[in-house]
Each structure stands twice: as C-alpha cells, then as structure tokens.
Amino acid sequence: MSDDSLQLSGELIQNLRNALTTADPRASETVVAVQYLAAVVGYLVAQMPEPVEQRKDYLSELGQFMHSVFLDVESRKGAAPPPQQASGVWRPGDA
C-alpha cells in the first residue's frame, strides 16, 4: 500500500460512529450515521477555496469513490454483481 492511500479500518469507522453517537444518540442507527457523514462531506467541500464548479466536480467524484468502496466491500462479502465494462475511474465530462 502506498503512503498516500487512505487507511480505512474497523477502528477508524468505530471511532467515527462513537463520535456521531456521542453528538446524537440517533446516529447509532446506520441510516442516521451515514446522513451525518454525507452532511459533513457537503459542509467541508463547501468550505474549500476552489471555485464552486470545481467543488461540484469534487462532490461527483466523491460519489463515485463511495460507490467504488461500496462495491469493494460488497464483493468481499460475495454479494456484489460482477464488474461491468462500464465501471472504472470517473473523469470530468464522462456521461
């Protein structure tokens, strides 16, 4: 694994869940926790200094990244559909 890759771990995820649940006990429900995480991402991207169109692109790219992580986790559970040729890295301007 390269030095610049994200280090996603069960411990990190649990620490985030604990912080959310401390702030709002309803976040013990996964559906509430993911809404908080999505809101935080939106808030942080809105605070970035880049032009608004670039920040909108970031949101789209982050959506694709989340989808890739989802597919990776699902495939490890053996429940994901096989990858299709259309899957891959999203680039600005792709349909």
PDB file of N, CA and C in Angstrom:
ATOM      1  N   MET A   1       0.845  -1.180   0.000  1.00  0.00           N
ATOM      2  CA  MET A   1       0.000   0.000   0.000  1.00  0.00           C
ATOM      3  C   MET A   1       0.889   1.242   0.000  1.00  0.00           C
ATOM      4  N   SER A   2       0.599   2.200  -0.859  1.00  0.00           N
ATOM      5  CA  SER A   2       1.422   3.404  -0.931  1.00  0.00           C
ATOM      6  C   SER A   2       1.143   4.323   0.249  1.00  0.00           C
ATOM      7  N   ASP A   3       2.079   5.222   0.491  1.00  0.00           N
ATOM      8  CA  ASP A   3       1.964   6.140   1.626  1.00  0.00           C
ATOM      9  C   ASP A   3       0.793   7.103   1.506  1.00  0.00           C
ATOM     10  N   ASP A   4       0.327   7.359   0.280  1.00  0.00           N
ATOM     11  CA  ASP A   4      -0.743   8.335   0.104  1.00  0.00           C
ATOM     12  C   ASP A   4      -2.137   7.710   0.078  1.00  0.00           C
ATOM     13  N   SER A   5      -2.237   6.406   0.275  1.00  0.00           N
ATOM     14  CA  SER A   5      -3.557   5.773   0.266  1.00  0.00           C
ATOM     15  C   SER A   5      -4.261   5.982   1.610  1.00  0.00           C
ATOM     16  N   LEU A   6      -5.573   5.928   1.564  1.00  0.00           N
ATOM     17  CA  LEU A   6      -6.363   6.068   2.786  1.00  0.00           C
ATOM     18  C   LEU A   6      -6.219   4.820   3.634  1.00  0.00           C
ATOM     19  N   GLN A   7      -6.264   4.994   4.914  1.00  0.00           N
ATOM     20  CA  GLN A   7      -6.133   3.879   5.846  1.00  0.00           C
ATOM     21  C   GLN A   7      -7.472   3.650   6.523  1.00  0.00           C
ATOM     22  N   LEU A   8      -8.390   3.024   5.818  1.00  0.00           N
ATOM     23  CA  LEU A   8      -9.715   2.733   6.347  1.00  0.00           C
ATOM     24  C   LEU A   8      -9.627   1.467   7.188  1.00  0.00           C
ATOM     25  N   SER A   9     -10.077   1.561   8.429  1.00  0.00           N
ATOM     26  CA  SER A   9     -10.011   0.402   9.322  1.00  0.00           C
ATOM     27  C   SER A   9     -11.284   0.319  10.147  1.00  0.00           C
ATOM     28  N   GLY A  10     -11.516  -0.841  10.690  1.00  0.00           N
ATOM     29  CA  GLY A  10     -12.652  -1.023  11.586  1.00  0.00           C
ATOM     30  C   GLY A  10     -12.576  -0.086  12.776  1.00  0.00           C
ATOM     31  N   GLU A  11     -11.371   0.125  13.286  1.00  0.00           N
ATOM     32  CA  GLU A  11     -11.192   1.019  14.441  1.00  0.00           C
ATOM     33  C   GLU A  11     -11.562   2.464  14.081  1.00  0.00           C
ATOM     34  N   LEU A  12     -11.114   2.928  12.916  1.00  0.00           N
ATOM     35  CA  LEU A  12     -11.456   4.285  12.478  1.00  0.00           C
ATOM     36  C   LEU A  12     -12.966   4.429  12.319  1.00  0.00           C
ATOM     37  N   ILE A  13     -13.581   3.457  11.685  1.00  0.00           N
ATOM     38  CA  ILE A  13     -15.030   3.509  11.482  1.00  0.00           C
ATOM     39  C   ILE A  13     -15.760   3.525  12.822  1.00  0.00           C
ATOM     40  N   GLN A  14     -15.320   2.687  13.761  1.00  0.00           N
ATOM     41  CA  GLN A  14     -15.967   2.655  15.067  1.00  0.00           C
ATOM     42  C   GLN A  14     -15.765   3.978  15.816  1.00  0.00           C
ATOM     43  N   ASN A  15     -14.571   4.569  15.710  1.00  0.00           N
ATOM     44  CA  ASN A  15     -14.330   5.867  16.349  1.00  0.00           C
ATOM     45  C   ASN A  15     -15.241   6.950  15.774  1.00  0.00           C
ATOM     46  N   LEU A  16     -15.429   6.940  14.458  1.00  0.00           N
ATOM     47  CA  LEU A  16     -16.352   7.906  13.841  1.00  0.00           C
ATOM     48  C   LEU A  16     -17.779   7.667  14.321  1.00  0.00           C
ATOM     49  N   ARG A  17     -18.196   6.405  14.344  1.00  0.00           N
ATOM     50  CA  ARG A  17     -19.548   6.082  14.824  1.00  0.00           C
ATOM     51  C   ARG A  17     -19.726   6.522  16.269  1.00  0.00           C
ATOM     52  N   ASN A  18     -18.708   6.296  17.101  1.00  0.00           N
ATOM     53  CA  ASN A  18     -18.790   6.702  18.511  1.00  0.00           C
ATOM     54  C   ASN A  18     -18.930   8.213  18.643  1.00  0.00           C
ATOM     55  N   ALA A  19     -18.154   8.962  17.850  1.00  0.00           N
ATOM     56  CA  ALA A  19     -18.231  10.422  17.904  1.00  0.00           C
ATOM     57  C   ALA A  19     -19.620  10.902  17.486  1.00  0.00           C
ATOM     58  N   LEU A  20     -20.168  10.304  16.432  1.00  0.00           N
ATOM     59  CA  LEU A  20     -21.508  10.685  15.987  1.00  0.00           C
ATOM     60  C   LEU A  20     -22.558  10.354  17.037  1.00  0.00           C
ATOM     61  N   THR A  21     -22.452   9.182  17.629  1.00  0.00           N
ATOM     62  CA  THR A  21     -23.434   8.755  18.629  1.00  0.00           C
ATOM     63  C   THR A  21     -23.345   9.603  19.892  1.00  0.00           C
ATOM     64  N   THR A  22     -22.139  10.060  20.215  1.00  0.00           N
ATOM     65  CA  THR A  22     -21.982  10.964  21.357  1.00  0.00           C
ATOM     66  C   THR A  22     -22.702  12.283  21.086  1.00  0.00           C
ATOM     67  N   ALA A  23     -22.586  12.775  19.857  1.00  0.00           N
ATOM     68  CA  ALA A  23     -23.234  14.040  19.486  1.00  0.00           C
ATOM     69  C   ALA A  23     -24.747  13.870  19.340  1.00  0.00           C
ATOM     70  N   ASP A  24     -25.172  12.712  18.848  1.00  0.00           N
ATOM     71  CA  ASP A  24     -26.595  12.462  18.620  1.00  0.00           C
ATOM     72  C   ASP A  24     -26.829  10.955  18.745  1.00  0.00           C
ATOM     73  N   PRO A  25     -27.460  10.513  19.824  1.00  0.00           N
ATOM     74  CA  PRO A  25     -27.679   9.082  20.036  1.00  0.00           C
ATOM     75  C   PRO A  25     -28.405   8.386  18.884  1.00  0.00           C
ATOM     76  N   ARG A  26     -29.170   9.135  18.104  1.00  0.00           N
ATOM     77  CA  ARG A  26     -29.851   8.528  16.948  1.00  0.00           C
ATOM     78  C   ARG A  26     -28.860   7.995  15.920  1.00  0.00           C
ATOM     79  N   ALA A  27     -27.628   8.489  15.950  1.00  0.00           N
ATOM     80  CA  ALA A  27     -26.602   8.057  14.999  1.00  0.00           C
ATOM     81  C   ALA A  27     -26.156   6.619  15.254  1.00  0.00           C
ATOM     82  N   SER A  28     -26.674   5.996  16.297  1.00  0.00           N
ATOM     83  CA  SER A  28     -26.404   4.573  16.483  1.00  0.00           C
ATOM     84  C   SER A  28     -27.087   3.761  15.384  1.00  0.00           C
ATOM     85  N   GLU A  29     -28.088   4.370  14.747  1.00  0.00           N
ATOM     86  CA  GLU A  29     -28.716   3.758  13.580  1.00  0.00           C
ATOM     87  C   GLU A  29     -27.867   4.124  12.360  1.00  0.00           C
ATOM     88  N   THR A  30     -27.483   3.137  11.587  1.00  0.00           N
ATOM     89  CA  THR A  30     -26.597   3.374  10.448  1.00  0.00           C
ATOM     90  C   THR A  30     -27.160   4.399   9.478  1.00  0.00           C
ATOM     91  N   VAL A  31     -28.457   4.357   9.232  1.00  0.00           N
ATOM     92  CA  VAL A  31     -29.052   5.296   8.279  1.00  0.00           C
ATOM     93  C   VAL A  31     -28.889   6.744   8.745  1.00  0.00           C
ATOM     94  N   VAL A  32     -28.909   6.987  10.039  1.00  0.00           N
ATOM     95  CA  VAL A  32     -28.692   8.342  10.565  1.00  0.00           C
ATOM     96  C   VAL A  32     -27.205   8.687  10.499  1.00  0.00           C
ATOM     97  N   ALA A  33     -26.345   7.733  10.844  1.00  0.00           N
ATOM     98  CA  ALA A  33     -24.898   7.973  10.813  1.00  0.00           C
ATOM     99  C   ALA A  33     -24.435   8.359   9.411  1.00  0.00           C
ATOM    100  N   VAL A  34     -24.917   7.662   8.387  1.00  0.00           N
ATOM    101  CA  VAL A  34     -24.464   7.987   7.031  1.00  0.00           C
ATOM    102  C   VAL A  34     -24.983   9.349   6.573  1.00  0.00           C
ATOM    103  N   GLN A  35     -26.149   9.749   7.082  1.00  0.00           N
ATOM    104  CA  GLN A  35     -26.642  11.093   6.750  1.00  0.00           C
ATOM    105  C   GLN A  35     -25.739  12.155   7.358  1.00  0.00           C
ATOM    106  N   TYR A  36     -25.295  11.927   8.590  1.00  0.00           N
ATOM    107  CA  TYR A  36     -24.351  12.865   9.204  1.00  0.00           C
ATOM    108  C   TYR A  36     -23.054  12.924   8.393  1.00  0.00           C
ATOM    109  N   LEU A  37     -22.538  11.765   8.014  1.00  0.00           N
ATOM    110  CA  LEU A  37     -21.287  11.744   7.258  1.00  0.00           C
ATOM    111  C   LEU A  37     -21.441  12.463   5.924  1.00  0.00           C
ATOM    112  N   ALA A  38     -22.560  12.259   5.241  1.00  0.00           N
ATOM    113  CA  ALA A  38     -22.808  12.947   3.972  1.00  0.00           C
ATOM    114  C   ALA A  38     -22.903  14.456   4.186  1.00  0.00           C
ATOM    115  N   ALA A  39     -23.579  14.871   5.269  1.00  0.00           N
ATOM    116  CA  ALA A  39     -23.706  16.299   5.566  1.00  0.00           C
ATOM    117  C   ALA A  39     -22.341  16.918   5.856  1.00  0.00           C
ATOM    118  N   VAL A  40     -21.497  16.197   6.581  1.00  0.00           N
ATOM    119  CA  VAL A  40     -20.153  16.700   6.895  1.00  0.00           C
ATOM    120  C   VAL A  40     -19.338  16.844   5.610  1.00  0.00           C
ATOM    121  N   VAL A  41     -19.415  15.866   4.729  1.00  0.00           N
ATOM    122  CA  VAL A  41     -18.689  15.961   3.461  1.00  0.00           C
ATOM    123  C   VAL A  41     -19.167  17.179   2.675  1.00  0.00           C
ATOM    124  N   GLY A  42     -20.482  17.342   2.562  1.00  0.00           N
ATOM    125  CA  GLY A  42     -21.013  18.512   1.859  1.00  0.00           C
ATOM    126  C   GLY A  42     -20.544  19.811   2.480  1.00  0.00           C
ATOM    127  N   TYR A  43     -20.565  19.873   3.792  1.00  0.00           N
ATOM    128  CA  TYR A  43     -20.132  21.079   4.502  1.00  0.00           C
ATOM    129  C   TYR A  43     -18.650  21.358   4.233  1.00  0.00           C
ATOM    130  N   LEU A  44     -17.808  20.334   4.361  1.00  0.00           N
ATOM    131  CA  LEU A  44     -16.369  20.524   4.174  1.00  0.00           C
ATOM    132  C   LEU A  44     -16.039  20.927   2.737  1.00  0.00           C
ATOM    133  N   VAL A  45     -16.685  20.299   1.766  1.00  0.00           N
ATOM    134  CA  VAL A  45     -16.428  20.656   0.368  1.00  0.00           C
ATOM    135  C   VAL A  45     -16.874  22.090   0.104  1.00  0.00           C
ATOM    136  N   ALA A  46     -17.982  22.507   0.695  1.00  0.00           N
ATOM    137  CA  ALA A  46     -18.458  23.887   0.524  1.00  0.00           C
ATOM    138  C   ALA A  46     -17.476  24.902   1.105  1.00  0.00           C
ATOM    139  N   GLN A  47     -16.687  24.501   2.081  1.00  0.00           N
ATOM    140  CA  GLN A  47     -15.721  25.406   2.713  1.00  0.00           C
ATOM    141  C   GLN A  47     -14.386  25.476   1.978  1.00  0.00           C
ATOM    142  N   MET A  48     -14.187  24.621   0.977  1.00  0.00           N
ATOM    143  CA  MET A  48     -12.917  24.611   0.250  1.00  0.00           C
ATOM    144  C   MET A  48     -12.770  25.902  -0.563  1.00  0.00           C
ATOM    145  N   PRO A  49     -11.529  26.342  -0.801  1.00  0.00           N
ATOM    146  CA  PRO A  49     -11.320  27.615  -1.505  1.00  0.00           C
ATOM    147  C   PRO A  49     -11.474  27.529  -3.029  1.00  0.00           C
ATOM    148  N   GLU A  50     -11.556  26.331  -3.602  1.00  0.00           N
ATOM    149  CA  GLU A  50     -11.657  26.186  -5.051  1.00  0.00           C
ATOM    150  C   GLU A  50     -12.959  26.795  -5.564  1.00  0.00           C
ATOM    151  N   PRO A  51     -12.993  27.122  -6.862  1.00  0.00           N
ATOM    152  CA  PRO A  51     -14.221  27.659  -7.459  1.00  0.00           C
ATOM    153  C   PRO A  51     -15.381  26.664  -7.305  1.00  0.00           C
ATOM    154  N   VAL A  52     -16.587  27.184  -7.270  1.00  0.00           N
ATOM    155  CA  VAL A  52     -17.765  26.364  -6.998  1.00  0.00           C
ATOM    156  C   VAL A  52     -17.914  25.220  -7.997  1.00  0.00           C
ATOM    157  N   GLU A  53     -17.627  25.455  -9.264  1.00  0.00           N
ATOM    158  CA  GLU A  53     -17.768  24.374 -10.258  1.00  0.00           C
ATOM    159  C   GLU A  53     -16.793  23.237  -9.974  1.00  0.00           C
ATOM    160  N   GLN A  54     -15.602  23.575  -9.539  1.00  0.00           N
ATOM    161  CA  GLN A  54     -14.619  22.543  -9.190  1.00  0.00           C
ATOM    162  C   GLN A  54     -15.086  21.769  -7.955  1.00  0.00           C
ATOM    163  N   ARG A  55     -15.669  22.466  -6.991  1.00  0.00           N
ATOM    164  CA  ARG A  55     -16.184  21.802  -5.801  1.00  0.00           C
ATOM    165  C   ARG A  55     -17.344  20.884  -6.148  1.00  0.00           C
ATOM    166  N   LYS A  56     -18.176  21.288  -7.106  1.00  0.00           N
ATOM    167  CA  LYS A  56     -19.265  20.415  -7.561  1.00  0.00           C
ATOM    168  C   LYS A  56     -18.693  19.149  -8.199  1.00  0.00           C
ATOM    169  N   ASP A  57     -17.623  19.319  -8.973  1.00  0.00           N
ATOM    170  CA  ASP A  57     -16.957  18.149  -9.557  1.00  0.00           C
ATOM    171  C   ASP A  57     -16.424  17.226  -8.467  1.00  0.00           C
ATOM    172  N   TYR A  58     -15.864  17.814  -7.414  1.00  0.00           N
ATOM    173  CA  TYR A  58     -15.370  17.002  -6.302  1.00  0.00           C
ATOM    174  C   TYR A  58     -16.493  16.159  -5.710  1.00  0.00           C
ATOM    175  N   LEU A  59     -17.664  16.766  -5.545  1.00  0.00           N
ATOM    176  CA  LEU A  59     -18.794  16.018  -4.985  1.00  0.00           C
ATOM    177  C   LEU A  59     -19.154  14.835  -5.882  1.00  0.00           C
ATOM    178  N   SER A  60     -19.154  15.049  -7.173  1.00  0.00           N
ATOM    179  CA  SER A  60     -19.442  13.956  -8.100  1.00  0.00           C
ATOM    180  C   SER A  60     -18.387  12.862  -7.997  1.00  0.00           C
ATOM    181  N   GLU A  61     -17.129  13.265  -7.949  1.00  0.00           N
ATOM    182  CA  GLU A  61     -16.043  12.297  -7.834  1.00  0.00           C
ATOM    183  C   GLU A  61     -16.120  11.539  -6.515  1.00  0.00           C
ATOM    184  N   LEU A  62     -16.467  12.236  -5.445  1.00  0.00           N
ATOM    185  CA  LEU A  62     -16.607  11.566  -4.156  1.00  0.00           C
ATOM    186  C   LEU A  62     -17.751  10.561  -4.176  1.00  0.00           C
ATOM    187  N   GLY A  63     -18.828  10.885  -4.883  1.00  0.00           N
ATOM    188  CA  GLY A  63     -19.926   9.940  -5.029  1.00  0.00           C
ATOM    189  C   GLY A  63     -19.467   8.668  -5.725  1.00  0.00           C
ATOM    190  N   GLN A  64     -18.666   8.829  -6.778  1.00  0.00           N
ATOM    191  CA  GLN A  64     -18.116   7.671  -7.476  1.00  0.00           C
ATOM    192  C   GLN A  64     -17.166   6.881  -6.578  1.00  0.00           C
ATOM    193  N   PHE A  65     -16.370   7.598  -5.793  1.00  0.00           N
ATOM    194  CA  PHE A  65     -15.449   6.945  -4.874  1.00  0.00           C
ATOM    195  C   PHE A  65     -16.215   6.123  -3.838  1.00  0.00           C
ATOM    196  N   MET A  66     -17.278   6.711  -3.279  1.00  0.00           N
ATOM    197  CA  MET A  66     -18.105   5.978  -2.315  1.00  0.00           C
ATOM    198  C   MET A  66     -18.683   4.726  -2.954  1.00  0.00           C
ATOM    199  N   HIS A  67     -19.127   4.850  -4.194  1.00  0.00           N
ATOM    200  CA  HIS A  67     -19.691   3.704  -4.899  1.00  0.00           C
ATOM    201  C   HIS A  67     -18.627   2.618  -5.075  1.00  0.00           C
ATOM    202  N   SER A  68     -17.401   3.010  -5.404  1.00  0.00           N
ATOM    203  CA  SER A  68     -16.314   2.045  -5.554  1.00  0.00           C
ATOM    204  C   SER A  68     -16.008   1.329  -4.242  1.00  0.00           C
ATOM    205  N   VAL A  69     -15.993   2.070  -3.155  1.00  0.00           N
ATOM    206  CA  VAL A  69     -15.761   1.454  -1.843  1.00  0.00           C
ATOM    207  C   VAL A  69     -16.888   0.484  -1.525  1.00  0.00           C
ATOM    208  N   PHE A  70     -18.118   0.910  -1.783  1.00  0.00           N
ATOM    209  CA  PHE A  70     -19.282   0.050  -1.561  1.00  0.00           C
ATOM    210  C   PHE A  70     -19.140  -1.259  -2.340  1.00  0.00           C
ATOM    211  N   LEU A  71     -18.817  -1.158  -3.633  1.00  0.00           N
ATOM    212  CA  LEU A  71     -18.673  -2.359  -4.453  1.00  0.00           C
ATOM    213  C   LEU A  71     -17.548  -3.252  -3.950  1.00  0.00           C
ATOM    214  N   ASP A  72     -16.451  -2.647  -3.509  1.00  0.00           N
ATOM    215  CA  ASP A  72     -15.331  -3.419  -2.982  1.00  0.00           C
ATOM    216  C   ASP A  72     -15.746  -4.189  -1.731  1.00  0.00           C
ATOM    217  N   VAL A  73     -16.418  -3.516  -0.809  1.00  0.00           N
ATOM    218  CA  VAL A  73     -16.851  -4.168   0.434  1.00  0.00           C
ATOM    219  C   VAL A  73     -17.872  -5.263   0.121  1.00  0.00           C
ATOM    220  N   GLU A  74     -18.811  -4.973  -0.764  1.00  0.00           N
ATOM    221  CA  GLU A  74     -19.809  -5.977  -1.135  1.00  0.00           C
ATOM    222  C   GLU A  74     -19.159  -7.191  -1.789  1.00  0.00           C
ATOM    223  N   SER A  75     -18.168  -6.965  -2.631  1.00  0.00           N
ATOM    224  CA  SER A  75     -17.524  -8.091  -3.311  1.00  0.00           C
ATOM    225  C   SER A  75     -16.783  -8.972  -2.319  1.00  0.00           C
ATOM    226  N   ARG A  76     -16.289  -8.378  -1.261  1.00  0.00           N
ATOM    227  CA  ARG A  76     -15.611  -9.169  -0.226  1.00  0.00           C
ATOM    228  C   ARG A  76     -16.602 -10.021   0.547  1.00  0.00           C
ATOM    229  N   LYS A  77     -17.858  -9.604   0.535  1.00  0.00           N
ATOM    230  CA  LYS A  77     -18.909 -10.397   1.170  1.00  0.00           C
ATOM    231  C   LYS A  77     -19.465 -11.426   0.201  1.00  0.00           C
ATOM    232  N   GLY A  78     -19.076 -11.356  -1.057  1.00  0.00           N
ATOM    233  CA  GLY A  78     -19.566 -12.275  -2.062  1.00  0.00           C
ATOM    234  C   GLY A  78     -20.945 -11.938  -2.583  1.00  0.00           C
ATOM    235  N   ALA A  79     -21.423 -10.713  -2.314  1.00  0.00           N
ATOM    236  CA  ALA A  79     -22.778 -10.353  -2.705  1.00  0.00           C
ATOM    237  C   ALA A  79     -22.836  -9.369  -3.864  1.00  0.00           C
ATOM    238  N   ALA A  80     -21.702  -8.866  -4.309  1.00  0.00           N
ATOM    239  CA  ALA A  80     -21.716  -7.843  -5.359  1.00  0.00           C
ATOM    240  C   ALA A  80     -21.872  -8.475  -6.733  1.00  0.00           C
ATOM    241  N   PRO A  81     -22.566  -7.772  -7.633  1.00  0.00           N
ATOM    242  CA  PRO A  81     -22.645  -8.272  -9.009  1.00  0.00           C
ATOM    243  C   PRO A  81     -21.267  -8.181  -9.656  1.00  0.00           C
ATOM    244  N   PRO A  82     -21.000  -8.991 -10.659  1.00  0.00           N
ATOM    245  CA  PRO A  82     -19.685  -8.919 -11.305  1.00  0.00           C
ATOM    246  C   PRO A  82     -19.483  -7.540 -11.942  1.00  0.00           C
ATOM    247  N   PRO A  83     -18.253  -7.044 -11.934  1.00  0.00           N
ATOM    248  CA  PRO A  83     -17.995  -5.726 -12.528  1.00  0.00           C
ATOM    249  C   PRO A  83     -18.349  -5.735 -14.007  1.00  0.00           C
ATOM    250  N   GLN A  84     -18.837  -4.597 -14.470  1.00  0.00           N
ATOM    251  CA  GLN A  84     -19.164  -4.446 -15.878  1.00  0.00           C
ATOM    252  C   GLN A  84     -18.100  -3.589 -16.528  1.00  0.00           C
ATOM    253  N   GLN A  85     -18.012  -3.654 -17.837  1.00  0.00           N
ATOM    254  CA  GLN A  85     -17.003  -2.870 -18.543  1.00  0.00           C
ATOM    255  C   GLN A  85     -17.186  -1.382 -18.329  1.00  0.00           C
ATOM    256  N   ALA A  86     -18.394  -0.948 -18.029  1.00  0.00           N
ATOM    257  CA  ALA A  86     -18.653   0.477 -17.835  1.00  0.00           C
ATOM    258  C   ALA A  86     -18.065   0.989 -16.534  1.00  0.00           C
ATOM    259  N   SER A  87     -17.698   0.093 -15.613  1.00  0.00           N
ATOM    260  CA  SER A  87     -17.142   0.553 -14.343  1.00  0.00           C
ATOM    261  C   SER A  87     -15.712   1.015 -14.560  1.00  0.00           C
ATOM    262  N   GLY A  88     -15.241   1.888 -13.689  1.00  0.00           N
ATOM    263  CA  GLY A  88     -13.879   2.380 -13.797  1.00  0.00           C
ATOM    264  C   GLY A  88     -13.748   3.728 -13.134  1.00  0.00           C
ATOM    265  N   VAL A  89     -12.729   4.433 -13.473  1.00  0.00           N
ATOM    266  CA  VAL A  89     -12.455   5.729 -12.889  1.00  0.00           C
ATOM    267  C   VAL A  89     -13.302   6.785 -13.573  1.00  0.00           C
ATOM    268  N   TRP A  90     -14.003   7.567 -12.797  1.00  0.00           N
ATOM    269  CA  TRP A  90     -14.803   8.652 -13.343  1.00  0.00           C
ATOM    270  C   TRP A  90     -13.890   9.823 -13.650  1.00  0.00           C
ATOM    271  N   ARG A  91     -14.097  10.439 -14.773  1.00  0.00           N
ATOM    272  CA  ARG A  91     -13.350  11.635 -15.175  1.00  0.00           C
ATOM    273  C   ARG A  91     -14.367  12.737 -15.485  1.00  0.00           C
ATOM    274  N   PRO A  92     -14.030  13.996 -15.168  1.00  0.00           N
ATOM    275  CA  PRO A  92     -14.945  15.085 -15.519  1.00  0.00           C
ATOM    276  C   PRO A  92     -15.307  15.032 -17.003  1.00  0.00           C
ATOM    277  N   GLY A  93     -16.575  15.216 -17.291  1.00  0.00           N
ATOM    278  CA  GLY A  93     -17.054  15.184 -18.657  1.00  0.00           C
ATOM    279  C   GLY A  93     -17.572  13.831 -19.099  1.00  0.00           C
ATOM    280  N   ASP A  94     -17.315  12.769 -18.292  1.00  0.00           N
ATOM    281  CA  ASP A  94     -17.865  11.453 -18.638  1.00  0.00           C
ATOM    282  C   ASP A  94     -19.365  11.477 -18.445  1.00  0.00           C
ATOM    283  N   ALA A  95     -20.058  10.787 -19.292  1.00  0.00           N
ATOM    284  CA  ALA A  95     -21.517  10.723 -19.182  1.00  0.00           C
ATOM    285  C   ALA A  95     -21.935   9.730 -18.137  1.00  0.00           C
TER     286      ALA A  95
END
